[in-house]
Amino acid sequence: MKMTARGASATSIRETYKSNVQRGYAAYMRARTASWAQLVSELKHLKARDIPTPKTYSQAINSNFKKEWQEAIHKEIKNLTDHETWTWVDLPPGRKPIDSTWSFKVKPNDKGQIDKFKARLCARGFRENYGVDYIETHAPVTTLVCFRVCLADAAQHGYHYSFFDISGAYLKSKLMEEIYMTPPEGVEAPPDKVAHLLKALYGLKQSGRSWYGELTDILVEQLHFDRAVSDACLFIITVKFDNGEFIRLNVHVDDCAATYKSKVFYKAFMAELERILRKHIKSDGSVLSIADDKDVYLGMTVQRLPDGAIKLHQARYTEDILARYNHLDANPASTPYLSGDPLCKEDSPKTKEEREKVEGIPYKSLVGSVLHLSRSTRPDISCAVAILAKYQKDPGPRHWEAAKRL
């Protein structure tokens, strides 16, 4: 599908999105009153991206999907209560509390369909004051290079791999600083009281660092893993006297990717990790969770092929990009970039008419979307993305056409 003008492109994208939202909502409401067989049929083609995401608490509880969002909010509040995230106290003299906000997301499965509605309470950490509310904030995550190397070794030797995440990870780490927060929306609080945060609530500047320190203590001190020198979030345990059993664990905040030799050894590790993490929570729910799309890690789908090789792809993410820019029906191109017709700075708009022609096109957004793709699973488009990224400040019609070709 070709779009010739930038204004027309942006309008077409907005109209397509609005149509998808209306169609998705109608199908969803029909499915809610249908039998199970009918529900599966109704929701089969409904994508998570077609569900509008509320930006505020008020929008969520007044939206067409208010029942689902209220259930997600209730689940999050229960999770915060089970973790004893705060206590209600009087605000000490001279201290200023921060506030909070709700974040909402429709989580998709590996096919892009609805997995669950998710709500999360986040502190507005940008209101923290350096030296008073926080000092250190750096928290490392595993690199994609290290993750791919571990998978490559697993493919070569026939090792197993598994992905899991730690539910409410930040809430399992204690907060060393004294931080006070105003009562969040939807949470009942005693009159004239503020929340004294005891756990690292999402959104705080130091939450990531607090959780990394807690997880490192669990893996290294209690479970006897070694931390790799090349990657601060690659943890390895090896048992030399037991047939060379090992586990390599790549950690990206609360998402974990494990490669291992023995399923029995890995199962014992998971049971012990669950036991340790359960000390931080009062409820009986599982701490370690595996989503329905259990072969997806950080948005990348991992597939074991019949010959033992491992394939990485982001088909769902790619489809979402195409849908966002109204290119699902576009004809494929043989190359991502026409090297014989190079772009240059002179292609930027120079007249008022040329600027009006490209006004409103989502050039920066498109380049940013494919940049993530090129760094994760599509290195073949890296050169084209790098060229397009040079003209984000002032893109012209030729730049936009090249971006759409990509």
Protein backbone atom coordinates (compact mmCIF):
# COMPACT_ATOMS: atom_id res chain seq x y z
CA MET A 1 0.00 0.00 0.00
CA LYS A 2 1.56 3.27 -1.10
CA MET A 3 1.06 6.68 0.45
CA THR A 4 2.17 9.65 -1.56
CA ALA A 5 1.90 12.59 0.84
CA ARG A 6 2.88 12.87 4.42
CA GLY A 7 -0.35 14.48 5.62
CA ALA A 8 -2.35 11.79 3.85
CA SER A 9 -0.15 9.12 5.41
CA ALA A 10 -0.68 10.37 8.94
CA THR A 11 -4.44 10.70 8.39
CA SER A 12 -4.67 7.22 6.93
CA ILE A 13 -2.77 5.77 9.89
CA ARG A 14 -5.08 7.46 12.40
CA GLU A 15 -8.22 6.34 10.54
CA THR A 16 -7.01 2.75 10.33
CA TYR A 17 -6.20 2.68 14.04
CA LYS A 18 -9.62 4.14 14.94
CA SER A 19 -11.36 1.56 12.75
CA ASN A 20 -9.40 -1.30 14.36
CA VAL A 21 -10.30 -0.06 17.85
CA GLN A 22 -14.01 0.15 17.02
CA ARG A 23 -14.03 -3.26 15.35
CA GLY A 24 -12.06 -4.83 18.20
CA TYR A 25 -14.34 -3.42 20.88
CA ALA A 26 -17.47 -4.64 19.10
CA ALA A 27 -16.05 -8.16 18.80
CA TYR A 28 -14.92 -8.16 22.41
CA MET A 29 -18.35 -7.11 23.74
CA ARG A 30 -20.07 -9.81 21.68
CA ALA A 31 -17.64 -12.39 22.97
CA ARG A 32 -18.24 -11.48 26.63
CA THR A 33 -21.86 -12.63 26.37
CA ALA A 34 -21.16 -15.67 24.19
CA SER A 35 -20.39 -19.27 25.05
CA TRP A 36 -16.77 -20.44 25.27
CA ALA A 37 -16.74 -21.79 21.71
CA GLN A 38 -18.17 -18.54 20.38
CA LEU A 39 -15.75 -16.51 22.51
CA VAL A 40 -12.75 -18.25 20.96
CA SER A 41 -14.16 -17.56 17.51
CA GLU A 42 -14.89 -13.90 18.27
CA LEU A 43 -11.48 -13.09 19.80
CA LYS A 44 -9.41 -15.10 17.33
CA HIS A 45 -8.66 -12.09 15.13
CA LEU A 46 -8.68 -9.41 17.85
CA LYS A 47 -5.21 -7.98 18.46
CA ALA A 48 -3.98 -6.51 21.73
CA ARG A 49 -2.87 -3.40 19.83
CA ASP A 50 -6.50 -2.70 18.91
CA ILE A 51 -7.50 -2.20 22.56
CA PRO A 52 -7.11 1.50 23.54
CA THR A 53 -4.71 1.97 26.45
CA PRO A 54 -5.87 4.42 29.16
CA LYS A 55 -3.40 7.11 30.14
CA THR A 56 -4.91 7.86 33.57
CA TYR A 57 -6.74 6.11 36.39
CA SER A 58 -9.89 8.06 35.56
CA GLN A 59 -9.80 6.98 31.92
CA ALA A 60 -9.40 3.33 32.92
CA ILE A 61 -12.35 3.12 35.31
CA ASN A 62 -14.60 5.00 32.86
CA SER A 63 -13.56 3.23 29.66
CA ASN A 64 -15.44 0.57 27.72
CA PHE A 65 -13.17 -2.01 29.34
CA LYS A 66 -13.59 -0.68 32.88
CA LYS A 67 -14.39 -4.11 34.31
CA GLU A 68 -11.11 -5.57 33.04
CA TRP A 69 -9.08 -2.54 34.16
CA GLN A 70 -10.71 -2.53 37.62
CA GLU A 71 -9.81 -6.20 38.04
CA ALA A 72 -6.22 -5.42 37.04
CA ILE A 73 -6.10 -2.48 39.50
CA HIS A 74 -7.49 -4.63 42.31
CA LYS A 75 -4.88 -7.31 41.58
CA GLU A 76 -2.06 -4.75 41.71
CA ILE A 77 -3.28 -3.25 45.00
CA LYS A 78 -3.49 -6.74 46.52
CA ASN A 79 0.05 -7.43 45.31
CA LEU A 80 1.30 -4.22 46.95
CA THR A 81 -0.49 -5.13 50.19
CA ASP A 82 0.89 -8.67 50.23
CA HIS A 83 4.42 -7.30 49.85
CA GLU A 84 3.89 -4.77 52.69
CA THR A 85 5.05 -2.03 50.36
CA TRP A 86 4.26 0.87 52.72
CA THR A 87 3.01 1.92 56.12
CA TRP A 88 0.74 4.90 56.83
CA VAL A 89 2.46 7.61 58.88
CA ASP A 90 2.38 11.35 59.56
CA LEU A 91 4.58 13.35 57.23
CA PRO A 92 7.76 14.36 59.10
CA PRO A 93 8.44 18.11 59.31
CA GLY A 94 10.50 19.44 56.42
CA ARG A 95 9.78 16.48 54.12
CA LYS A 96 7.85 16.71 50.87
CA PRO A 97 6.03 13.58 49.61
CA ILE A 98 6.13 12.45 46.01
CA ASP A 99 2.99 11.38 44.20
CA SER A 100 2.17 8.39 41.99
CA THR A 101 0.42 7.42 38.78
CA TRP A 102 -1.11 4.32 37.23
CA SER A 103 0.30 2.66 34.14
CA PHE A 104 -1.90 0.40 32.00
CA LYS A 105 -1.09 -2.08 29.27
CA VAL A 106 -2.82 -4.82 27.29
CA LYS A 107 -0.24 -7.58 27.22
CA PRO A 108 -0.18 -9.62 23.98
CA ASN A 109 0.75 -13.27 23.56
CA ASP A 110 3.15 -14.56 20.92
CA LYS A 111 0.44 -14.19 18.25
CA GLY A 112 -0.36 -10.60 19.18
CA GLN A 113 -3.72 -11.53 20.70
CA ILE A 114 -4.87 -10.51 24.19
CA ASP A 115 -3.01 -12.26 27.00
CA LYS A 116 -4.14 -10.10 29.93
CA PHE A 117 -4.97 -6.59 31.10
CA LYS A 118 -2.22 -5.25 33.34
CA ALA A 119 -2.16 -2.29 35.73
CA ARG A 120 0.85 -1.06 37.68
CA LEU A 121 1.20 1.63 40.31
CA CYS A 122 4.30 3.74 39.70
CA ALA A 123 5.85 6.38 41.88
CA ARG A 124 6.65 9.60 40.07
CA GLY A 125 10.35 9.29 40.69
CA PHE A 126 11.26 12.42 38.76
CA ARG A 127 10.08 14.36 41.83
CA GLU A 128 12.79 12.79 44.00
CA ASN A 129 15.62 15.03 45.15
CA TYR A 130 19.22 13.91 44.73
CA GLY A 131 21.02 13.47 48.04
CA VAL A 132 17.74 13.37 49.96
CA ASP A 133 15.64 10.66 48.33
CA TYR A 134 18.34 8.85 46.36
CA ILE A 135 22.05 8.78 45.50
CA GLU A 136 22.98 5.81 43.27
CA THR A 137 20.64 4.72 40.46
CA HIS A 138 22.62 2.57 38.01
CA ALA A 139 21.33 -0.98 37.51
CA PRO A 140 22.75 -3.24 34.75
CA VAL A 141 20.78 -5.62 32.52
CA THR A 142 22.01 -8.48 30.36
CA THR A 143 23.11 -7.63 26.85
CA LEU A 144 21.47 -9.07 23.76
CA VAL A 145 24.89 -10.21 22.55
CA CYS A 146 25.39 -12.30 25.69
CA PHE A 147 21.87 -13.71 25.42
CA ARG A 148 22.44 -14.77 21.80
CA VAL A 149 25.80 -16.35 22.65
CA CYS A 150 24.18 -18.49 25.35
CA LEU A 151 21.49 -19.61 22.92
CA ALA A 152 24.08 -20.34 20.24
CA ASP A 153 25.96 -22.60 22.65
CA ALA A 154 22.70 -24.31 23.60
CA ALA A 155 21.93 -24.93 19.93
CA GLN A 156 25.40 -26.32 19.24
CA HIS A 157 25.37 -28.79 22.16
CA GLY A 158 21.66 -29.56 22.37
CA TYR A 159 21.12 -27.88 25.75
CA HIS A 160 17.70 -26.85 27.03
CA TYR A 161 16.43 -23.30 27.47
CA SER A 162 13.58 -21.79 29.50
CA PHE A 163 12.23 -18.31 30.17
CA PHE A 164 10.46 -17.05 33.26
CA ASP A 165 9.82 -13.80 35.08
CA ILE A 166 9.75 -12.88 38.75
CA SER A 167 6.38 -11.47 39.73
CA GLY A 168 6.56 -8.09 41.49
CA ALA A 169 10.35 -8.14 41.44
CA TYR A 170 11.00 -4.60 42.68
CA LEU A 171 8.66 -5.14 45.63
CA LYS A 172 10.94 -7.88 46.93
CA SER A 173 13.80 -5.47 47.58
CA LYS A 174 13.95 -3.26 50.65
CA LEU A 175 14.27 0.48 50.28
CA MET A 176 17.22 1.95 52.17
CA GLU A 177 16.16 5.59 51.81
CA GLU A 178 13.22 7.25 53.57
CA ILE A 179 10.65 8.19 50.93
CA TYR A 180 7.10 9.37 51.51
CA MET A 181 4.27 9.24 48.99
CA THR A 182 0.77 10.71 48.88
CA PRO A 183 -2.09 8.15 48.88
CA PRO A 184 -2.48 6.70 45.36
CA GLU A 185 -5.74 6.83 43.43
CA GLY A 186 -7.93 3.84 44.23
CA VAL A 187 -6.18 3.08 47.53
CA GLU A 188 -7.96 3.66 50.84
CA ALA A 189 -5.78 5.56 53.32
CA PRO A 190 -6.24 6.91 56.86
CA PRO A 191 -7.05 10.64 57.02
CA ASP A 192 -4.07 13.02 56.86
CA LYS A 193 -1.56 10.20 56.45
CA VAL A 194 1.11 9.54 53.82
CA ALA A 195 2.69 6.29 52.69
CA HIS A 196 6.17 5.59 54.06
CA LEU A 197 7.67 3.36 51.37
CA LEU A 198 9.39 0.23 52.67
CA LYS A 199 9.90 -1.52 49.33
CA ALA A 200 11.31 -0.33 46.00
CA LEU A 201 8.14 0.73 44.23
CA TYR A 202 8.20 0.89 40.43
CA GLY A 203 9.07 4.36 39.17
CA LEU A 204 11.56 5.29 41.88
CA LYS A 205 14.99 6.23 40.55
CA GLN A 206 16.75 3.70 42.78
CA SER A 207 14.29 0.80 42.40
CA GLY A 208 16.25 -0.97 39.67
CA ARG A 209 19.47 -0.77 41.64
CA SER A 210 17.79 -2.02 44.82
CA TRP A 211 16.33 -5.03 43.01
CA TYR A 212 19.63 -5.86 41.29
CA GLY A 213 21.38 -5.87 44.65
CA GLU A 214 18.71 -8.11 46.16
CA LEU A 215 18.79 -10.57 43.25
CA THR A 216 22.60 -10.67 43.22
CA ASP A 217 22.60 -11.49 46.93
CA ILE A 218 20.13 -14.34 46.36
CA LEU A 219 21.95 -15.87 43.39
CA VAL A 220 25.55 -15.38 44.52
CA GLU A 221 25.38 -15.61 48.31
CA GLN A 222 22.52 -18.08 48.78
CA LEU A 223 22.43 -20.17 45.59
CA HIS A 224 26.22 -20.02 44.94
CA PHE A 225 26.13 -18.71 41.38
CA ASP A 226 29.14 -16.91 39.92
CA ARG A 227 28.67 -13.56 38.19
CA ALA A 228 30.33 -13.31 34.78
CA VAL A 229 33.06 -10.72 34.30
CA SER A 230 31.91 -9.79 30.78
CA ASP A 231 28.22 -9.33 31.72
CA ALA A 232 27.10 -8.24 35.19
CA CYS A 233 23.71 -9.88 34.62
CA LEU A 234 24.94 -13.31 33.50
CA PHE A 235 25.00 -15.71 36.44
CA ILE A 236 26.51 -19.20 36.10
CA ILE A 237 26.53 -22.22 38.38
CA THR A 238 28.49 -25.37 37.54
CA VAL A 239 28.58 -28.68 39.39
CA LYS A 240 31.75 -30.41 38.23
CA PHE A 241 31.27 -33.67 40.14
CA ASP A 242 27.73 -34.31 38.85
CA ASN A 243 28.21 -34.94 35.14
CA GLY A 244 29.14 -31.30 34.59
CA GLU A 245 25.68 -29.91 35.31
CA PHE A 246 25.33 -26.14 34.84
CA ILE A 247 22.83 -23.31 34.54
CA ARG A 248 23.45 -20.01 32.77
CA LEU A 249 21.00 -17.30 33.76
CA ASN A 250 20.60 -14.06 31.75
CA VAL A 251 18.68 -11.47 33.78
CA HIS A 252 16.96 -8.40 32.34
CA VAL A 253 15.33 -6.75 35.40
CA ASP A 254 12.68 -9.39 36.23
CA ASP A 255 12.86 -11.40 32.98
CA CYS A 256 15.16 -14.40 33.12
CA ALA A 257 16.49 -16.69 30.39
CA ALA A 258 18.09 -19.96 31.49
CA THR A 259 20.16 -22.39 29.43
CA TYR A 260 21.00 -25.68 31.11
CA LYS A 261 22.00 -29.29 30.58
CA SER A 262 19.78 -31.25 32.99
CA LYS A 263 16.04 -30.70 33.50
CA VAL A 264 16.26 -32.28 36.95
CA PHE A 265 18.97 -29.87 38.07
CA TYR A 266 17.07 -26.91 36.64
CA LYS A 267 13.83 -27.98 38.35
CA ALA A 268 15.63 -28.18 41.70
CA PHE A 269 17.06 -24.68 41.16
CA MET A 270 13.62 -23.24 40.34
CA ALA A 271 12.12 -24.80 43.47
CA GLU A 272 14.83 -23.33 45.69
CA LEU A 273 14.58 -19.88 44.07
CA GLU A 274 10.80 -19.96 44.57
CA ARG A 275 11.28 -20.88 48.24
CA ILE A 276 13.69 -17.99 48.85
CA LEU A 277 11.56 -15.39 47.06
CA ARG A 278 8.41 -16.49 48.88
CA LYS A 279 9.86 -15.04 52.07
CA HIS A 280 9.09 -11.57 50.67
CA ILE A 281 5.36 -12.08 50.20
CA LYS A 282 2.38 -13.07 52.34
CA SER A 283 0.04 -14.56 49.71
CA ASP A 284 0.10 -18.14 48.43
CA GLY A 285 0.51 -17.28 44.75
CA SER A 286 3.49 -18.39 42.70
CA VAL A 287 6.44 -15.99 42.56
CA LEU A 288 8.05 -17.37 39.40
CA SER A 289 5.70 -17.25 36.43
CA ILE A 290 5.82 -18.57 32.90
CA ALA A 291 3.52 -16.81 30.43
CA ASP A 292 1.40 -18.55 27.82
CA ASP A 293 3.95 -17.40 25.24
CA LYS A 294 6.70 -19.31 27.04
CA ASP A 295 9.06 -19.14 24.04
CA VAL A 296 9.22 -15.32 24.07
CA TYR A 297 11.97 -13.36 25.80
CA LEU A 298 12.17 -9.55 25.64
CA GLY A 299 9.81 -9.57 22.67
CA MET A 300 11.89 -12.12 20.74
CA THR A 301 10.38 -15.49 19.88
CA VAL A 302 12.80 -18.38 20.30
CA GLN A 303 12.12 -21.54 18.31
CA ARG A 304 13.92 -24.87 18.36
CA LEU A 305 14.03 -26.23 14.80
CA PRO A 306 13.84 -29.98 13.94
CA ASP A 307 17.59 -30.14 13.29
CA GLY A 308 18.36 -28.71 16.76
CA ALA A 309 19.13 -25.17 15.60
CA ILE A 310 17.55 -22.22 17.41
CA LYS A 311 15.77 -19.47 15.51
CA LEU A 312 15.14 -15.94 16.80
CA HIS A 313 12.50 -13.71 15.26
CA GLN A 314 10.13 -10.84 16.06
CA ALA A 315 7.22 -11.58 13.73
CA ARG A 316 4.64 -10.09 16.10
CA TYR A 317 6.61 -6.88 16.62
CA THR A 318 7.18 -6.55 12.87
CA GLU A 319 3.48 -7.02 12.18
CA ASP A 320 2.66 -4.37 14.78
CA ILE A 321 5.00 -1.90 13.02
CA LEU A 322 3.38 -2.61 9.66
CA ALA A 323 -0.10 -2.18 11.14
CA ARG A 324 0.87 1.05 12.91
CA TYR A 325 2.03 2.63 9.65
CA ASN A 326 -0.71 1.11 7.50
CA HIS A 327 1.63 -1.16 5.51
CA LEU A 328 0.19 -4.62 6.16
CA ASP A 329 -0.81 -4.90 2.49
CA ALA A 330 2.37 -3.38 1.08
CA ASN A 331 4.35 -5.37 -1.48
CA PRO A 332 7.69 -6.73 -0.18
CA ALA A 333 10.96 -5.33 -1.53
CA SER A 334 14.02 -7.41 -2.35
CA THR A 335 16.40 -5.08 -0.47
CA PRO A 336 15.86 -2.75 2.50
CA TYR A 337 17.63 0.17 0.79
CA LEU A 338 18.40 1.26 -2.77
CA SER A 339 22.18 1.75 -2.69
CA GLY A 340 22.19 3.03 -6.25
CA ASP A 341 20.00 5.99 -5.26
CA PRO A 342 21.69 7.37 -2.12
CA LEU A 343 20.01 9.83 0.21
CA CYS A 344 21.61 13.14 1.08
CA LYS A 345 21.01 16.32 3.07
CA GLU A 346 19.90 18.15 -0.05
CA ASP A 347 16.78 15.95 -0.09
CA SER A 348 15.47 17.81 2.98
CA PRO A 349 12.62 20.26 2.29
CA LYS A 350 13.73 23.78 1.34
CA THR A 351 10.52 25.57 0.43
CA LYS A 352 7.30 26.14 2.33
CA GLU A 353 5.41 23.89 -0.07
CA GLU A 354 7.87 21.04 0.43
CA ARG A 355 7.61 21.35 4.22
CA GLU A 356 3.83 21.29 4.10
CA LYS A 357 3.98 18.15 2.00
CA VAL A 358 5.89 16.21 4.67
CA GLU A 359 4.32 17.86 7.71
CA GLY A 360 3.06 15.30 10.23
CA ILE A 361 4.75 12.18 8.89
CA PRO A 362 5.95 9.89 11.75
CA TYR A 363 9.51 9.60 10.44
CA LYS A 364 11.28 9.59 13.82
CA SER A 365 8.83 7.09 15.26
CA LEU A 366 9.30 4.70 12.33
CA VAL A 367 13.09 4.89 12.47
CA GLY A 368 13.04 4.27 16.23
CA SER A 369 10.80 1.23 15.77
CA VAL A 370 13.04 -0.44 13.19
CA LEU A 371 16.17 0.52 15.15
CA HIS A 372 15.08 -1.83 17.95
CA LEU A 373 14.38 -4.52 15.37
CA SER A 374 17.82 -4.17 13.79
CA ARG A 375 19.57 -4.48 17.15
CA SER A 376 17.61 -7.55 18.23
CA THR A 377 16.98 -9.99 15.39
CA ARG A 378 17.46 -8.21 12.06
CA PRO A 379 21.10 -7.16 11.65
CA ASP A 380 20.57 -7.26 7.87
CA ILE A 381 18.71 -3.93 8.01
CA SER A 382 21.24 -2.20 10.28
CA CYS A 383 22.95 -0.30 7.47
CA ALA A 384 19.67 1.03 6.07
CA VAL A 385 18.48 2.07 9.54
CA ALA A 386 21.76 3.89 10.22
CA ILE A 387 21.40 5.85 6.97
CA LEU A 388 17.78 6.81 7.69
CA ALA A 389 18.63 7.84 11.25
CA LYS A 390 20.95 10.57 9.92
CA TYR A 391 18.01 12.57 8.58
CA GLN A 392 15.62 12.52 11.54
CA LYS A 393 15.99 16.24 12.19
CA ASP A 394 14.68 17.37 8.82
CA PRO A 395 13.36 14.50 6.66
CA GLY A 396 12.12 15.10 3.15
CA PRO A 397 9.82 13.15 0.79
CA ARG A 398 12.66 10.93 -0.47
CA HIS A 399 13.69 10.11 3.08
CA TRP A 400 10.12 9.14 3.91
CA GLU A 401 9.82 6.96 0.82
CA ALA A 402 13.06 5.18 1.77
CA ALA A 403 11.75 4.65 5.31
CA LYS A 404 8.53 3.14 3.97
CA ARG A 405 10.53 0.84 1.70
CA LEU A 406 12.42 -0.45 4.73
